[in-house]
Amino acid sequence: MGLFTKQTEQQLKDRCKTLEVKIIELRTAKDVLEDEYFELKAEHDKLKRTKKIEEEEIAHKIRCREETVLMQKKDGIGEAARKADERVMKVKSEFQDKLTSQLEKRGDELRKMYSEILARLPVVDVKIGETTVREKEAE
């Protein structure tokens, strides 16, 4: 019986060593899997953030494009209004130039007419008090 017990005892010891080696291998594999899990989780979180940022950028670009289209429509209307304003300003400017030249011409004609009228009038000396009008003008 002693031999049977020693053999069984040896088998049990071998079996324990084999199980201890398997435990160590399983713990190592577990550690490797945990590391991979955390790496994958970090990568997943990073991809989620990247996706969110890209979706926000796309939404922003869409809003910008819509605003650009709206501004172009307004600019089209604004461009027509601006051209009309330019034509109106051109006509006003031409009218103002004509009016100014006519007023200057009339002013020159009036000055000439007054000088002709004054040239035809006789020179009259009027005494006011001790001095004459001509003397006052000379002072």
Foldseek 3Di string as FASTA:
>chain_A
DVVVVVVVVVVVVVVVVVVVVVVVVVVVVVVVVVVVVVVVVVVVVVVVVVVVVVVVVVVVVVVVVVVVVVVVVVVVVVVVVVVVVVVVVVVVVVVVVVVVVVVVVVVVVVVVVVVVVVVPDDDDWDDDDHHTPVVVVVD
